[in-house]
Amino acid sequence: MKRKFMGGVIALLLTSCKAVSDHQRLQTFILGTWEVKYIMGLPVIDSSHATLNFSEGNKVKLIHASVGSTKMMCIEALMRQANWVDNVILLVTTAEIKAGRLNLFDYEGKSLLILSRV
């Protein structure tokens, strides 16, 4: 399942990020594919391989490639997980790079997504 997000998520991260002072370095670091590890503090579904791809032009693409069972319950759970990512990515206001992970936060500093480079 692929979903495209427009609307300046990368630009928002770059203009509001306080954890990294050099916005050019942050932009270069963020570009590419990241595996979603946690959504609002909860781990992603095992073997879901949900990834976000940040590309130039302020584009973010969610790729949700499931490995394993195709039971309806599994599909529904993956769709819920994809919807969570769809919703929380719009709330991101700040980013922090720590221990090789990209942490995305809302305006209150609450962790929304934790990603690892693929």
Foldseek 3Di string as FASTA:
>chain_A
DKDKDADQLLVLALVQAPQDDDSVVVSVVQAAKWFWQDFLRHGQDPQQRWIWHADPPRMIMIDGRHDDDPDPVVVVSSVVVVVSCVPVSVQFRYWHQDPQWIFTAGPVRGTGTIIHHD
